[in-house]
Amino acid sequence: MQLATIDCGGRPGFTVENGNVEIAGVIVNSLQRPGGNGGAFYTRYASIALQDVKVTNSGADKGAAFYLENGSGTIARSYFTSNTATTTGGGIYVTGSQLDLIESNMTG
């Protein structure tokens, strides 16, 4: 599978609130949400499905790569590396939600 690359140059990534989204086949780099949560993916009161997604060099207070609050999610065949949370949660932070991880690797 050919992956599209998105370099956000230190800006925040994707925000999903009160909806549903499926994202597949992308590499996202250099996403930052200083003073906020979910550097690459911020999901609240929503459903998100990621497939064949790679996230690197992202940062936020909680969930540097992925933040899920009061929703549901699936992460399949995806890789999160070199992501830094300033307070807690490392690469992924989940609260009040159901998250299924399928054949995925999270190393920060």
PDB file of N, CA and C in Angstrom:
ATOM      1  N   MET A   1       0.841  -1.180   0.000  1.00  0.00           N
ATOM      2  CA  MET A   1       0.000   0.000   0.000  1.00  0.00           C
ATOM      3  C   MET A   1       0.885   1.242   0.000  1.00  0.00           C
ATOM      4  N   GLN A   2       0.598   2.153  -0.899  1.00  0.00           N
ATOM      5  CA  GLN A   2       1.296   3.434  -0.970  1.00  0.00           C
ATOM      6  C   GLN A   2       0.701   4.364   0.083  1.00  0.00           C
ATOM      7  N   LEU A   3       1.550   4.953   0.936  1.00  0.00           N
ATOM      8  CA  LEU A   3       1.064   5.856   1.972  1.00  0.00           C
ATOM      9  C   LEU A   3       1.326   7.300   1.579  1.00  0.00           C
ATOM     10  N   ALA A   4       0.345   8.164   1.788  1.00  0.00           N
ATOM     11  CA  ALA A   4       0.516   9.602   1.591  1.00  0.00           C
ATOM     12  C   ALA A   4       1.201  10.159   2.834  1.00  0.00           C
ATOM     13  N   THR A   5       2.090  11.133   2.664  1.00  0.00           N
ATOM     14  CA  THR A   5       2.787  11.741   3.795  1.00  0.00           C
ATOM     15  C   THR A   5       2.301  13.163   4.005  1.00  0.00           C
ATOM     16  N   ILE A   6       1.951  13.465   5.268  1.00  0.00           N
ATOM     17  CA  ILE A   6       1.532  14.810   5.651  1.00  0.00           C
ATOM     18  C   ILE A   6       2.496  15.301   6.713  1.00  0.00           C
ATOM     19  N   ASP A   7       3.220  16.373   6.436  1.00  0.00           N
ATOM     20  CA  ASP A   7       4.113  16.990   7.416  1.00  0.00           C
ATOM     21  C   ASP A   7       3.459  18.288   7.873  1.00  0.00           C
ATOM     22  N   CYS A   8       3.081  18.341   9.135  1.00  0.00           N
ATOM     23  CA  CYS A   8       2.326  19.489   9.647  1.00  0.00           C
ATOM     24  C   CYS A   8       3.208  20.614  10.183  1.00  0.00           C
ATOM     25  N   GLY A   9       4.521  20.440  10.140  1.00  0.00           N
ATOM     26  CA  GLY A   9       5.433  21.516  10.506  1.00  0.00           C
ATOM     27  C   GLY A   9       5.204  22.104  11.883  1.00  0.00           C
ATOM     28  N   GLY A  10       4.819  21.256  12.853  1.00  0.00           N
ATOM     29  CA  GLY A  10       4.628  21.715  14.227  1.00  0.00           C
ATOM     30  C   GLY A  10       3.239  22.232  14.551  1.00  0.00           C
ATOM     31  N   ARG A  11       2.315  22.155  13.616  1.00  0.00           N
ATOM     32  CA  ARG A  11       0.930  22.580  13.879  1.00  0.00           C
ATOM     33  C   ARG A  11       0.111  21.390  14.380  1.00  0.00           C
ATOM     34  N   PRO A  12      -1.073  21.643  14.996  1.00  0.00           N
ATOM     35  CA  PRO A  12      -1.925  20.551  15.463  1.00  0.00           C
ATOM     36  C   PRO A  12      -2.418  19.681  14.307  1.00  0.00           C
ATOM     37  N   GLY A  13      -2.769  18.448  14.657  1.00  0.00           N
ATOM     38  CA  GLY A  13      -3.250  17.506  13.662  1.00  0.00           C
ATOM     39  C   GLY A  13      -4.758  17.530  13.509  1.00  0.00           C
ATOM     40  N   PHE A  14      -5.347  16.352  13.450  1.00  0.00           N
ATOM     41  CA  PHE A  14      -6.765  16.168  13.157  1.00  0.00           C
ATOM     42  C   PHE A  14      -7.611  16.266  14.417  1.00  0.00           C
ATOM     43  N   THR A  15      -8.764  16.934  14.336  1.00  0.00           N
ATOM     44  CA  THR A  15      -9.713  17.039  15.432  1.00  0.00           C
ATOM     45  C   THR A  15     -11.045  16.460  14.973  1.00  0.00           C
ATOM     46  N   VAL A  16     -11.585  15.529  15.781  1.00  0.00           N
ATOM     47  CA  VAL A  16     -12.884  14.928  15.480  1.00  0.00           C
ATOM     48  C   VAL A  16     -13.748  15.066  16.727  1.00  0.00           C
ATOM     49  N   GLU A  17     -14.838  15.824  16.626  1.00  0.00           N
ATOM     50  CA  GLU A  17     -15.778  15.975  17.735  1.00  0.00           C
ATOM     51  C   GLU A  17     -17.187  15.722  17.224  1.00  0.00           C
ATOM     52  N   ASN A  18     -17.927  14.897  17.973  1.00  0.00           N
ATOM     53  CA  ASN A  18     -19.334  14.632  17.653  1.00  0.00           C
ATOM     54  C   ASN A  18     -19.532  14.113  16.233  1.00  0.00           C
ATOM     55  N   GLY A  19     -18.729  13.149  15.838  1.00  0.00           N
ATOM     56  CA  GLY A  19     -18.879  12.598  14.493  1.00  0.00           C
ATOM     57  C   GLY A  19     -18.159  11.277  14.374  1.00  0.00           C
ATOM     58  N   ASN A  20     -17.992  10.834  13.168  1.00  0.00           N
ATOM     59  CA  ASN A  20     -17.303   9.582  12.875  1.00  0.00           C
ATOM     60  C   ASN A  20     -16.318   9.826  11.746  1.00  0.00           C
ATOM     61  N   VAL A  21     -15.150   9.204  11.849  1.00  0.00           N
ATOM     62  CA  VAL A  21     -14.158   9.365  10.797  1.00  0.00           C
ATOM     63  C   VAL A  21     -13.345   8.079  10.644  1.00  0.00           C
ATOM     64  N   GLU A  22     -12.952   7.804   9.420  1.00  0.00           N
ATOM     65  CA  GLU A  22     -12.031   6.717   9.102  1.00  0.00           C
ATOM     66  C   GLU A  22     -10.868   7.316   8.325  1.00  0.00           C
ATOM     67  N   ILE A  23      -9.660   7.013   8.769  1.00  0.00           N
ATOM     68  CA  ILE A  23      -8.454   7.521   8.115  1.00  0.00           C
ATOM     69  C   ILE A  23      -7.558   6.322   7.829  1.00  0.00           C
ATOM     70  N   ALA A  24      -7.109   6.220   6.581  1.00  0.00           N
ATOM     71  CA  ALA A  24      -6.291   5.073   6.199  1.00  0.00           C
ATOM     72  C   ALA A  24      -5.177   5.508   5.259  1.00  0.00           C
ATOM     73  N   GLY A  25      -4.035   4.835   5.414  1.00  0.00           N
ATOM     74  CA  GLY A  25      -2.944   4.979   4.465  1.00  0.00           C
ATOM     75  C   GLY A  25      -2.212   6.302   4.485  1.00  0.00           C
ATOM     76  N   VAL A  26      -1.943   6.847   5.684  1.00  0.00           N
ATOM     77  CA  VAL A  26      -1.191   8.106   5.752  1.00  0.00           C
ATOM     78  C   VAL A  26      -0.050   8.005   6.756  1.00  0.00           C
ATOM     79  N   ILE A  27       0.969   8.805   6.496  1.00  0.00           N
ATOM     80  CA  ILE A  27       2.060   9.025   7.446  1.00  0.00           C
ATOM     81  C   ILE A  27       1.941  10.479   7.861  1.00  0.00           C
ATOM     82  N   VAL A  28       1.858  10.747   9.159  1.00  0.00           N
ATOM     83  CA  VAL A  28       1.782  12.124   9.640  1.00  0.00           C
ATOM     84  C   VAL A  28       2.979  12.398  10.540  1.00  0.00           C
ATOM     85  N   ASN A  29       3.643  13.529  10.273  1.00  0.00           N
ATOM     86  CA  ASN A  29       4.863  13.892  10.988  1.00  0.00           C
ATOM     87  C   ASN A  29       4.746  15.288  11.580  1.00  0.00           C
ATOM     88  N   SER A  30       5.479  15.507  12.667  1.00  0.00           N
ATOM     89  CA  SER A  30       5.699  16.840  13.233  1.00  0.00           C
ATOM     90  C   SER A  30       4.410  17.573  13.570  1.00  0.00           C
ATOM     91  N   LEU A  31       3.562  16.917  14.355  1.00  0.00           N
ATOM     92  CA  LEU A  31       2.312  17.530  14.802  1.00  0.00           C
ATOM     93  C   LEU A  31       2.471  17.926  16.265  1.00  0.00           C
ATOM     94  N   GLN A  32       2.097  19.129  16.607  1.00  0.00           N
ATOM     95  CA  GLN A  32       2.227  19.612  17.980  1.00  0.00           C
ATOM     96  C   GLN A  32       0.950  20.329  18.396  1.00  0.00           C
ATOM     97  N   ARG A  33       0.510  20.060  19.636  1.00  0.00           N
ATOM     98  CA  ARG A  33      -0.635  20.760  20.200  1.00  0.00           C
ATOM     99  C   ARG A  33      -0.227  21.209  21.605  1.00  0.00           C
ATOM    100  N   PRO A  34       0.649  22.235  21.702  1.00  0.00           N
ATOM    101  CA  PRO A  34       1.127  22.703  23.010  1.00  0.00           C
ATOM    102  C   PRO A  34      -0.040  23.212  23.857  1.00  0.00           C
ATOM    103  N   GLY A  35      -0.063  22.796  25.113  1.00  0.00           N
ATOM    104  CA  GLY A  35      -1.129  23.212  26.011  1.00  0.00           C
ATOM    105  C   GLY A  35      -2.440  22.509  25.749  1.00  0.00           C
ATOM    106  N   GLY A  36      -2.444  21.517  24.857  1.00  0.00           N
ATOM    107  CA  GLY A  36      -3.663  20.775  24.519  1.00  0.00           C
ATOM    108  C   GLY A  36      -3.393  19.290  24.483  1.00  0.00           C
ATOM    109  N   ASN A  37      -4.361  18.537  24.038  1.00  0.00           N
ATOM    110  CA  ASN A  37      -4.265  17.083  24.000  1.00  0.00           C
ATOM    111  C   ASN A  37      -4.349  16.572  22.564  1.00  0.00           C
ATOM    112  N   GLY A  38      -3.748  15.403  22.341  1.00  0.00           N
ATOM    113  CA  GLY A  38      -3.820  14.759  21.034  1.00  0.00           C
ATOM    114  C   GLY A  38      -3.084  15.504  19.946  1.00  0.00           C
ATOM    115  N   GLY A  39      -1.769  15.420  19.954  1.00  0.00           N
ATOM    116  CA  GLY A  39      -0.970  16.130  18.961  1.00  0.00           C
ATOM    117  C   GLY A  39      -1.351  15.804  17.533  1.00  0.00           C
ATOM    118  N   ALA A  40      -1.510  14.516  17.216  1.00  0.00           N
ATOM    119  CA  ALA A  40      -1.854  14.110  15.852  1.00  0.00           C
ATOM    120  C   ALA A  40      -3.361  13.903  15.682  1.00  0.00           C
ATOM    121  N   PHE A  41      -3.989  13.204  16.641  1.00  0.00           N
ATOM    122  CA  PHE A  41      -5.421  12.913  16.562  1.00  0.00           C
ATOM    123  C   PHE A  41      -6.086  13.232  17.899  1.00  0.00           C
ATOM    124  N   TYR A  42      -7.005  14.176  17.888  1.00  0.00           N
ATOM    125  CA  TYR A  42      -7.803  14.543  19.057  1.00  0.00           C
ATOM    126  C   TYR A  42      -9.250  14.166  18.749  1.00  0.00           C
ATOM    127  N   THR A  43      -9.797  13.207  19.510  1.00  0.00           N
ATOM    128  CA  THR A  43     -11.147  12.718  19.267  1.00  0.00           C
ATOM    129  C   THR A  43     -11.947  12.803  20.558  1.00  0.00           C
ATOM    130  N   ARG A  44     -13.119  13.454  20.487  1.00  0.00           N
ATOM    131  CA  ARG A  44     -13.952  13.653  21.678  1.00  0.00           C
ATOM    132  C   ARG A  44     -15.414  13.478  21.276  1.00  0.00           C
ATOM    133  N   TYR A  45     -16.143  12.649  22.045  1.00  0.00           N
ATOM    134  CA  TYR A  45     -17.553  12.359  21.763  1.00  0.00           C
ATOM    135  C   TYR A  45     -17.743  11.929  20.310  1.00  0.00           C
ATOM    136  N   ALA A  46     -16.863  11.049  19.849  1.00  0.00           N
ATOM    137  CA  ALA A  46     -16.888  10.646  18.446  1.00  0.00           C
ATOM    138  C   ALA A  46     -16.312   9.239  18.303  1.00  0.00           C
ATOM    139  N   SER A  47     -16.351   8.744  17.075  1.00  0.00           N
ATOM    140  CA  SER A  47     -15.792   7.447  16.741  1.00  0.00           C
ATOM    141  C   SER A  47     -14.711   7.651  15.675  1.00  0.00           C
ATOM    142  N   ILE A  48     -13.568   6.982  15.877  1.00  0.00           N
ATOM    143  CA  ILE A  48     -12.457   7.114  14.928  1.00  0.00           C
ATOM    144  C   ILE A  48     -11.891   5.730  14.612  1.00  0.00           C
ATOM    145  N   ALA A  49     -11.554   5.526  13.355  1.00  0.00           N
ATOM    146  CA  ALA A  49     -10.900   4.295  12.927  1.00  0.00           C
ATOM    147  C   ALA A  49      -9.665   4.677  12.119  1.00  0.00           C
ATOM    148  N   LEU A  50      -8.519   4.204  12.582  1.00  0.00           N
ATOM    149  CA  LEU A  50      -7.255   4.431  11.877  1.00  0.00           C
ATOM    150  C   LEU A  50      -6.763   3.090  11.351  1.00  0.00           C
ATOM    151  N   GLN A  51      -6.338   3.078  10.103  1.00  0.00           N
ATOM    152  CA  GLN A  51      -5.795   1.855   9.510  1.00  0.00           C
ATOM    153  C   GLN A  51      -4.583   2.216   8.667  1.00  0.00           C
ATOM    154  N   ASP A  52      -3.488   1.483   8.869  1.00  0.00           N
ATOM    155  CA  ASP A  52      -2.247   1.725   8.130  1.00  0.00           C
ATOM    156  C   ASP A  52      -1.811   3.179   8.255  1.00  0.00           C
ATOM    157  N   VAL A  53      -1.769   3.662   9.493  1.00  0.00           N
ATOM    158  CA  VAL A  53      -1.371   5.039   9.789  1.00  0.00           C
ATOM    159  C   VAL A  53      -0.063   5.004  10.572  1.00  0.00           C
ATOM    160  N   LYS A  54       0.856   5.904  10.228  1.00  0.00           N
ATOM    161  CA  LYS A  54       2.103   6.059  10.969  1.00  0.00           C
ATOM    162  C   LYS A  54       2.173   7.480  11.495  1.00  0.00           C
ATOM    163  N   VAL A  55       2.487   7.616  12.794  1.00  0.00           N
ATOM    164  CA  VAL A  55       2.599   8.934  13.424  1.00  0.00           C
ATOM    165  C   VAL A  55       3.977   9.034  14.061  1.00  0.00           C
ATOM    166  N   THR A  56       4.735  10.076  13.704  1.00  0.00           N
ATOM    167  CA  THR A  56       6.053  10.298  14.292  1.00  0.00           C
ATOM    168  C   THR A  56       6.225  11.758  14.679  1.00  0.00           C
ATOM    169  N   ASN A  57       7.034  11.969  15.710  1.00  0.00           N
ATOM    170  CA  ASN A  57       7.438  13.305  16.157  1.00  0.00           C
ATOM    171  C   ASN A  57       6.258  14.218  16.471  1.00  0.00           C
ATOM    172  N   SER A  58       5.305  13.699  17.236  1.00  0.00           N
ATOM    173  CA  SER A  58       4.152  14.493  17.649  1.00  0.00           C
ATOM    174  C   SER A  58       4.236  14.766  19.146  1.00  0.00           C
ATOM    175  N   GLY A  59       3.575  15.837  19.584  1.00  0.00           N
ATOM    176  CA  GLY A  59       3.596  16.180  20.987  1.00  0.00           C
ATOM    177  C   GLY A  59       2.327  16.889  21.431  1.00  0.00           C
ATOM    178  N   ALA A  60       1.996  16.709  22.719  1.00  0.00           N
ATOM    179  CA  ALA A  60       0.844  17.350  23.350  1.00  0.00           C
ATOM    180  C   ALA A  60       0.967  17.125  24.854  1.00  0.00           C
ATOM    181  N   ASP A  61       0.055  17.719  25.620  1.00  0.00           N
ATOM    182  CA  ASP A  61       0.059  17.468  27.063  1.00  0.00           C
ATOM    183  C   ASP A  61      -0.278  16.011  27.370  1.00  0.00           C
ATOM    184  N   LYS A  62      -1.391  15.520  26.813  1.00  0.00           N
ATOM    185  CA  LYS A  62      -1.815  14.129  26.989  1.00  0.00           C
ATOM    186  C   LYS A  62      -2.003  13.513  25.607  1.00  0.00           C
ATOM    187  N   GLY A  63      -1.567  12.272  25.456  1.00  0.00           N
ATOM    188  CA  GLY A  63      -1.750  11.576  24.179  1.00  0.00           C
ATOM    189  C   GLY A  63      -1.054  12.272  23.029  1.00  0.00           C
ATOM    190  N   ALA A  64       0.247  12.229  23.033  1.00  0.00           N
ATOM    191  CA  ALA A  64       1.037  12.948  22.023  1.00  0.00           C
ATOM    192  C   ALA A  64       0.610  12.616  20.596  1.00  0.00           C
ATOM    193  N   ALA A  65       0.313  11.347  20.337  1.00  0.00           N
ATOM    194  CA  ALA A  65      -0.104  10.944  18.996  1.00  0.00           C
ATOM    195  C   ALA A  65      -1.619  10.801  18.884  1.00  0.00           C
ATOM    196  N   PHE A  66      -2.273  10.338  19.970  1.00  0.00           N
ATOM    197  CA  PHE A  66      -3.688   9.980  19.876  1.00  0.00           C
ATOM    198  C   PHE A  66      -4.366  10.210  21.218  1.00  0.00           C
ATOM    199  N   TYR A  67      -5.451  10.968  21.196  1.00  0.00           N
ATOM    200  CA  TYR A  67      -6.246  11.258  22.393  1.00  0.00           C
ATOM    201  C   TYR A  67      -7.695  10.909  22.093  1.00  0.00           C
ATOM    202  N   LEU A  68      -8.329  10.114  22.973  1.00  0.00           N
ATOM    203  CA  LEU A  68      -9.715   9.694  22.784  1.00  0.00           C
ATOM    204  C   LEU A  68     -10.470   9.889  24.089  1.00  0.00           C
ATOM    205  N   GLU A  69     -11.522  10.722  24.047  1.00  0.00           N
ATOM    206  CA  GLU A  69     -12.331  11.011  25.231  1.00  0.00           C
ATOM    207  C   GLU A  69     -13.807  10.773  24.917  1.00  0.00           C
ATOM    208  N   ASN A  70     -14.445   9.928  25.750  1.00  0.00           N
ATOM    209  CA  ASN A  70     -15.881   9.660  25.634  1.00  0.00           C
ATOM    210  C   ASN A  70     -16.304   9.303  24.214  1.00  0.00           C
ATOM    211  N   GLY A  71     -15.591   8.343  23.646  1.00  0.00           N
ATOM    212  CA  GLY A  71     -15.908   7.904  22.292  1.00  0.00           C
ATOM    213  C   GLY A  71     -15.488   6.463  22.094  1.00  0.00           C
ATOM    214  N   SER A  72     -15.254   6.094  20.855  1.00  0.00           N
ATOM    215  CA  SER A  72     -14.779   4.752  20.553  1.00  0.00           C
ATOM    216  C   SER A  72     -13.775   4.831  19.410  1.00  0.00           C
ATOM    217  N   GLY A  73     -12.892   3.846  19.387  1.00  0.00           N
ATOM    218  CA  GLY A  73     -11.886   3.877  18.337  1.00  0.00           C
ATOM    219  C   GLY A  73     -11.318   2.512  18.028  1.00  0.00           C
ATOM    220  N   THR A  74     -10.754   2.414  16.832  1.00  0.00           N
ATOM    221  CA  THR A  74     -10.019   1.234  16.397  1.00  0.00           C
ATOM    222  C   THR A  74      -8.740   1.725  15.727  1.00  0.00           C
ATOM    223  N   ILE A  75      -7.628   1.133  16.130  1.00  0.00           N
ATOM    224  CA  ILE A  75      -6.349   1.415  15.484  1.00  0.00           C
ATOM    225  C   ILE A  75      -5.823   0.081  14.964  1.00  0.00           C
ATOM    226  N   ALA A  76      -5.722  -0.038  13.638  1.00  0.00           N
ATOM    227  CA  ALA A  76      -5.303  -1.295  13.017  1.00  0.00           C
ATOM    228  C   ALA A  76      -4.065  -1.088  12.146  1.00  0.00           C
ATOM    229  N   ARG A  77      -3.115  -2.009  12.289  1.00  0.00           N
ATOM    230  CA  ARG A  77      -1.880  -2.011  11.494  1.00  0.00           C
ATOM    231  C   ARG A  77      -1.247  -0.617  11.430  1.00  0.00           C
ATOM    232  N   SER A  78      -1.138   0.029  12.573  1.00  0.00           N
ATOM    233  CA  SER A  78      -0.603   1.384  12.633  1.00  0.00           C
ATOM    234  C   SER A  78       0.582   1.435  13.587  1.00  0.00           C
ATOM    235  N   TYR A  79       1.426   2.463  13.407  1.00  0.00           N
ATOM    236  CA  TYR A  79       2.661   2.572  14.176  1.00  0.00           C
ATOM    237  C   TYR A  79       2.845   3.998  14.644  1.00  0.00           C
ATOM    238  N   PHE A  80       3.050   4.159  15.955  1.00  0.00           N
ATOM    239  CA  PHE A  80       3.290   5.469  16.549  1.00  0.00           C
ATOM    240  C   PHE A  80       4.680   5.432  17.176  1.00  0.00           C
ATOM    241  N   THR A  81       5.594   6.288  16.726  1.00  0.00           N
ATOM    242  CA  THR A  81       6.953   6.306  17.262  1.00  0.00           C
ATOM    243  C   THR A  81       7.431   7.738  17.481  1.00  0.00           C
ATOM    244  N   SER A  82       8.297   7.915  18.466  1.00  0.00           N
ATOM    245  CA  SER A  82       8.952   9.198  18.760  1.00  0.00           C
ATOM    246  C   SER A  82       7.956  10.319  19.028  1.00  0.00           C
ATOM    247  N   ASN A  83       6.930  10.034  19.839  1.00  0.00           N
ATOM    248  CA  ASN A  83       5.924  11.016  20.218  1.00  0.00           C
ATOM    249  C   ASN A  83       6.068  11.298  21.715  1.00  0.00           C
ATOM    250  N   THR A  84       5.891  12.554  22.128  1.00  0.00           N
ATOM    251  CA  THR A  84       6.162  12.942  23.511  1.00  0.00           C
ATOM    252  C   THR A  84       4.997  13.698  24.130  1.00  0.00           C
ATOM    253  N   ALA A  85       4.479  13.157  25.245  1.00  0.00           N
ATOM    254  CA  ALA A  85       3.442  13.844  26.023  1.00  0.00           C
ATOM    255  C   ALA A  85       4.124  14.559  27.182  1.00  0.00           C
ATOM    256  N   THR A  86       3.731  15.816  27.435  1.00  0.00           N
ATOM    257  CA  THR A  86       4.391  16.587  28.493  1.00  0.00           C
ATOM    258  C   THR A  86       3.858  16.268  29.881  1.00  0.00           C
ATOM    259  N   THR A  87       2.609  15.785  30.001  1.00  0.00           N
ATOM    260  CA  THR A  87       2.089  15.476  31.337  1.00  0.00           C
ATOM    261  C   THR A  87       1.852  13.987  31.544  1.00  0.00           C
ATOM    262  N   THR A  88       1.088  13.358  30.680  1.00  0.00           N
ATOM    263  CA  THR A  88       0.770  11.946  30.871  1.00  0.00           C
ATOM    264  C   THR A  88       0.264  11.327  29.573  1.00  0.00           C
ATOM    265  N   GLY A  89       0.250  10.012  29.534  1.00  0.00           N
ATOM    266  CA  GLY A  89      -0.367   9.316  28.418  1.00  0.00           C
ATOM    267  C   GLY A  89       0.569   8.852  27.328  1.00  0.00           C
ATOM    268  N   GLY A  90       1.789   9.347  27.305  1.00  0.00           N
ATOM    269  CA  GLY A  90       2.699   8.931  26.244  1.00  0.00           C
ATOM    270  C   GLY A  90       2.108   9.159  24.875  1.00  0.00           C
ATOM    271  N   GLY A  91       2.214   8.172  24.007  1.00  0.00           N
ATOM    272  CA  GLY A  91       1.696   8.298  22.647  1.00  0.00           C
ATOM    273  C   GLY A  91       0.187   8.248  22.562  1.00  0.00           C
ATOM    274  N   ILE A  92      -0.453   7.479  23.477  1.00  0.00           N
ATOM    275  CA  ILE A  92      -1.906   7.310  23.454  1.00  0.00           C
ATOM    276  C   ILE A  92      -2.485   7.619  24.820  1.00  0.00           C
ATOM    277  N   TYR A  93      -3.609   8.357  24.832  1.00  0.00           N
ATOM    278  CA  TYR A  93      -4.337   8.619  26.071  1.00  0.00           C
ATOM    279  C   TYR A  93      -5.820   8.373  25.790  1.00  0.00           C
ATOM    280  N   VAL A  94      -6.440   7.517  26.610  1.00  0.00           N
ATOM    281  CA  VAL A  94      -7.850   7.157  26.431  1.00  0.00           C
ATOM    282  C   VAL A  94      -8.569   7.326  27.761  1.00  0.00           C
ATOM    283  N   THR A  95      -9.703   8.031  27.755  1.00  0.00           N
ATOM    284  CA  THR A  95     -10.506   8.202  28.960  1.00  0.00           C
ATOM    285  C   THR A  95     -11.987   8.083  28.614  1.00  0.00           C
ATOM    286  N   GLY A  96     -12.724   7.288  29.396  1.00  0.00           N
ATOM    287  CA  GLY A  96     -14.154   7.117  29.189  1.00  0.00           C
ATOM    288  C   GLY A  96     -14.512   6.559  27.830  1.00  0.00           C
ATOM    289  N   SER A  97     -13.644   5.738  27.251  1.00  0.00           N
ATOM    290  CA  SER A  97     -13.812   5.287  25.872  1.00  0.00           C
ATOM    291  C   SER A  97     -13.424   3.831  25.707  1.00  0.00           C
ATOM    292  N   GLN A  98     -13.811   3.254  24.582  1.00  0.00           N
ATOM    293  CA  GLN A  98     -13.404   1.916  24.176  1.00  0.00           C
ATOM    294  C   GLN A  98     -12.446   2.043  22.997  1.00  0.00           C
ATOM    295  N   LEU A  99     -11.241   1.482  23.119  1.00  0.00           N
ATOM    296  CA  LEU A  99     -10.267   1.491  22.037  1.00  0.00           C
ATOM    297  C   LEU A  99      -9.790   0.090  21.753  1.00  0.00           C
ATOM    298  N   ASP A 100      -9.857  -0.319  20.491  1.00  0.00           N
ATOM    299  CA  ASP A 100      -9.355  -1.622  20.065  1.00  0.00           C
ATOM    300  C   ASP A 100      -8.066  -1.416  19.274  1.00  0.00           C
ATOM    301  N   LEU A 101      -7.008  -2.095  19.717  1.00  0.00           N
ATOM    302  CA  LEU A 101      -5.722  -2.062  19.000  1.00  0.00           C
ATOM    303  C   LEU A 101      -5.535  -3.390  18.283  1.00  0.00           C
ATOM    304  N   ILE A 102      -5.319  -3.329  16.986  1.00  0.00           N
ATOM    305  CA  ILE A 102      -5.174  -4.532  16.179  1.00  0.00           C
ATOM    306  C   ILE A 102      -3.857  -4.451  15.403  1.00  0.00           C
ATOM    307  N   GLU A 103      -2.933  -5.368  15.704  1.00  0.00           N
ATOM    308  CA  GLU A 103      -1.653  -5.436  14.997  1.00  0.00           C
ATOM    309  C   GLU A 103      -0.980  -4.072  14.878  1.00  0.00           C
ATOM    310  N   SER A 104      -0.902  -3.360  15.985  1.00  0.00           N
ATOM    311  CA  SER A 104      -0.310  -2.031  15.997  1.00  0.00           C
ATOM    312  C   SER A 104       0.842  -1.968  16.978  1.00  0.00           C
ATOM    313  N   ASN A 105       1.742  -1.008  16.774  1.00  0.00           N
ATOM    314  CA  ASN A 105       2.926  -0.859  17.613  1.00  0.00           C
ATOM    315  C   ASN A 105       3.028   0.597  18.077  1.00  0.00           C
ATOM    316  N   MET A 106       3.053   0.787  19.393  1.00  0.00           N
ATOM    317  CA  MET A 106       3.139   2.131  19.961  1.00  0.00           C
ATOM    318  C   MET A 106       4.404   2.201  20.816  1.00  0.00           C
ATOM    319  N   THR A 107       5.370   2.998  20.407  1.00  0.00           N
ATOM    320  CA  THR A 107       6.625   3.104  21.164  1.00  0.00           C
ATOM    321  C   THR A 107       6.907   4.544  21.583  1.00  0.00           C
ATOM    322  N   GLY A 108       5.924   5.221  22.017  1.00  0.00           N
ATOM    323  CA  GLY A 108       6.128   6.582  22.494  1.00  0.00           C
ATOM    324  C   GLY A 108       5.341   7.580  21.723  1.00  0.00           C
TER     325      GLY A 108
END
